[in-house]
Amino acid sequence: MSELRDNTSASQYELDENGHTSFARYRKQDGVLTIMYVEAPPELRGTGAAGRLMTQVAEEARKNNWRVVPVCGYAAGWLRRSKQYGDLVL
C-alpha cells in the first residue's frame, strides 16, 4: 500500500492504489481536521480503498493530536464504527 500524501494545494489527503487515487478533502484549523468529502474512484470501489484511506487519515490526526469533524457521511460512519479511532471525533 502506498503512503498517505497531503496535497495541501488541493486541501486533500490522497492514497494511490493500482494506478488510481482515493482522496479525503479536508479543512484544518485550530487543531481540528474537518473531513468534507471522501471518494474512491470507481475502479477501487468495493475494495476497501476508502477504509484504508480513512485509517491513514485517522493515524495522521492521532499523530498530530487533532480532533476530527466528519462532515462526510462515509467518514462519520467509518469513525463511529471504529473502536480504534472513534475517540478522535469532536
C-alpha atoms as a PDB file:
ATOM      1  CA  MET A   1       0.000   0.000   0.000  1.00  0.00           C
ATOM      2  CA  SER A   2       1.252   3.454  -0.760  1.00  0.00           C
ATOM      3  CA  GLU A   3       1.857   6.186   1.737  1.00  0.00           C
ATOM      4  CA  LEU A   4      -0.649   8.904   2.554  1.00  0.00           C
ATOM      5  CA  ARG A   5       0.089  12.144   0.707  1.00  0.00           C
ATOM      6  CA  ASP A   6      -1.048  15.563   1.920  1.00  0.00           C
ATOM      7  CA  ASN A   7      -1.873  17.567  -1.205  1.00  0.00           C
ATOM      8  CA  THR A   8      -2.084  20.941   0.520  1.00  0.00           C
ATOM      9  CA  SER A   9      -2.774  22.850  -2.699  1.00  0.00           C
ATOM     10  CA  ALA A  10      -5.972  20.806  -3.172  1.00  0.00           C
ATOM     11  CA  SER A  11      -6.697  20.533   0.598  1.00  0.00           C
ATOM     12  CA  GLN A  12      -6.921  16.776   0.449  1.00  0.00           C
ATOM     13  CA  TYR A  13      -5.189  13.651   1.614  1.00  0.00           C
ATOM     14  CA  GLU A  14      -4.520  11.193  -1.193  1.00  0.00           C
ATOM     15  CA  LEU A  15      -3.743   7.493  -1.339  1.00  0.00           C
ATOM     16  CA  ASP A  16      -2.661   5.773  -4.558  1.00  0.00           C
ATOM     17  CA  GLU A  17      -3.542   2.147  -5.263  1.00  0.00           C
ATOM     18  CA  ASN A  18      -3.277   0.241  -8.536  1.00  0.00           C
ATOM     19  CA  GLY A  19      -2.819   3.445 -10.534  1.00  0.00           C
ATOM     20  CA  HIS A  20      -5.860   5.173  -9.008  1.00  0.00           C
ATOM     21  CA  THR A  21      -6.167   7.784  -6.256  1.00  0.00           C
ATOM     22  CA  SER A  22      -8.650   7.911  -3.385  1.00  0.00           C
ATOM     23  CA  PHE A  23      -8.916  11.211  -1.562  1.00  0.00           C
ATOM     24  CA  ALA A  24     -10.297  12.885   1.546  1.00  0.00           C
ATOM     25  CA  ARG A  25     -10.927  16.607   1.112  1.00  0.00           C
ATOM     26  CA  TYR A  26     -10.345  18.488   4.345  1.00  0.00           C
ATOM     27  CA  ARG A  27     -10.133  21.754   6.200  1.00  0.00           C
ATOM     28  CA  LYS A  28      -7.592  22.205   9.018  1.00  0.00           C
ATOM     29  CA  GLN A  29      -7.974  24.890  11.663  1.00  0.00           C
ATOM     30  CA  ASP A  30      -7.005  25.236  15.331  1.00  0.00           C
ATOM     31  CA  GLY A  31      -6.174  21.553  15.900  1.00  0.00           C
ATOM     32  CA  VAL A  32      -9.339  20.348  14.162  1.00  0.00           C
ATOM     33  CA  LEU A  33      -9.379  18.306  10.966  1.00  0.00           C
ATOM     34  CA  THR A  34     -12.742  18.628   9.224  1.00  0.00           C
ATOM     35  CA  ILE A  35     -13.276  15.889   6.648  1.00  0.00           C
ATOM     36  CA  MET A  36     -15.505  17.375   3.980  1.00  0.00           C
ATOM     37  CA  TYR A  37     -15.628  14.556   1.450  1.00  0.00           C
ATOM     38  CA  VAL A  38     -14.128  11.089   0.905  1.00  0.00           C
ATOM     39  CA  GLU A  39     -14.044   9.485  -2.516  1.00  0.00           C
ATOM     40  CA  ALA A  40     -12.582   6.382  -4.102  1.00  0.00           C
ATOM     41  CA  PRO A  41     -12.567   6.161  -7.904  1.00  0.00           C
ATOM     42  CA  PRO A  42     -14.984   3.640  -9.455  1.00  0.00           C
ATOM     43  CA  GLU A  43     -12.111   1.217 -10.129  1.00  0.00           C
ATOM     44  CA  LEU A  44     -11.385   0.975  -6.382  1.00  0.00           C
ATOM     45  CA  ARG A  45     -14.936   0.944  -5.019  1.00  0.00           C
ATOM     46  CA  GLY A  46     -15.784  -2.182  -3.093  1.00  0.00           C
ATOM     47  CA  THR A  47     -12.099  -2.969  -2.459  1.00  0.00           C
ATOM     48  CA  GLY A  48     -11.825  -1.253   0.943  1.00  0.00           C
ATOM     49  CA  ALA A  49      -9.768   1.604  -0.520  1.00  0.00           C
ATOM     50  CA  ALA A  50     -11.766   4.328   1.243  1.00  0.00           C
ATOM     51  CA  GLY A  51     -11.377   2.489   4.547  1.00  0.00           C
ATOM     52  CA  ARG A  52      -7.619   2.197   4.074  1.00  0.00           C
ATOM     53  CA  LEU A  53      -7.516   5.919   3.291  1.00  0.00           C
ATOM     54  CA  MET A  54      -9.535   6.710   6.425  1.00  0.00           C
ATOM     55  CA  THR A  55      -7.206   4.568   8.553  1.00  0.00           C
ATOM     56  CA  GLN A  56      -4.213   6.577   7.392  1.00  0.00           C
ATOM     57  CA  VAL A  57      -6.036   9.905   7.782  1.00  0.00           C
ATOM     58  CA  ALA A  58      -7.040   8.904  11.337  1.00  0.00           C
ATOM     59  CA  GLU A  59      -3.427   7.938  12.098  1.00  0.00           C
ATOM     60  CA  GLU A  60      -2.307  11.358  10.850  1.00  0.00           C
ATOM     61  CA  ALA A  61      -4.880  13.047  13.097  1.00  0.00           C
ATOM     62  CA  ARG A  62      -3.766  10.967  16.103  1.00  0.00           C
ATOM     63  CA  LYS A  63      -0.078  11.711  15.444  1.00  0.00           C
ATOM     64  CA  ASN A  64      -0.808  15.466  15.319  1.00  0.00           C
ATOM     65  CA  ASN A  65      -3.227  15.446  18.288  1.00  0.00           C
ATOM     66  CA  TRP A  66      -6.059  16.735  16.105  1.00  0.00           C
ATOM     67  CA  ARG A  67      -9.744  16.254  16.760  1.00  0.00           C
ATOM     68  CA  VAL A  68     -11.831  15.240  13.751  1.00  0.00           C
ATOM     69  CA  VAL A  69     -15.138  16.638  12.498  1.00  0.00           C
ATOM     70  CA  PRO A  70     -16.540  14.278   9.840  1.00  0.00           C
ATOM     71  CA  VAL A  71     -18.909  16.268   7.616  1.00  0.00           C
ATOM     72  CA  CYS A  72     -18.827  13.469   5.036  1.00  0.00           C
ATOM     73  CA  GLY A  73     -21.358  10.719   5.752  1.00  0.00           C
ATOM     74  CA  TYR A  74     -18.876   7.968   4.877  1.00  0.00           C
ATOM     75  CA  ALA A  75     -16.199   9.407   7.194  1.00  0.00           C
ATOM     76  CA  ALA A  76     -18.733   9.863  10.012  1.00  0.00           C
ATOM     77  CA  GLY A  77     -19.931   6.266   9.725  1.00  0.00           C
ATOM     78  CA  TRP A  78     -16.405   4.895   9.493  1.00  0.00           C
ATOM     79  CA  LEU A  79     -15.284   6.805  12.594  1.00  0.00           C
ATOM     80  CA  ARG A  80     -18.438   5.882  14.532  1.00  0.00           C
ATOM     81  CA  ARG A  81     -17.803   2.173  13.858  1.00  0.00           C
ATOM     82  CA  SER A  82     -14.077   2.379  14.641  1.00  0.00           C
ATOM     83  CA  LYS A  83     -13.015   1.134  18.056  1.00  0.00           C
ATOM     84  CA  GLN A  84      -9.502   2.463  17.480  1.00  0.00           C
ATOM     85  CA  TYR A  85     -10.265   5.970  16.196  1.00  0.00           C
ATOM     86  CA  GLY A  86     -13.784   6.851  17.385  1.00  0.00           C
ATOM     87  CA  ASP A  87     -12.328   8.930  20.219  1.00  0.00           C
ATOM     88  CA  LEU A  88     -10.933  11.424  17.685  1.00  0.00           C
ATOM     89  CA  VAL A  89     -14.384  12.717  16.809  1.00  0.00           C
ATOM     90  CA  LEU A  90     -15.176  16.150  18.178  1.00  0.00           C
END
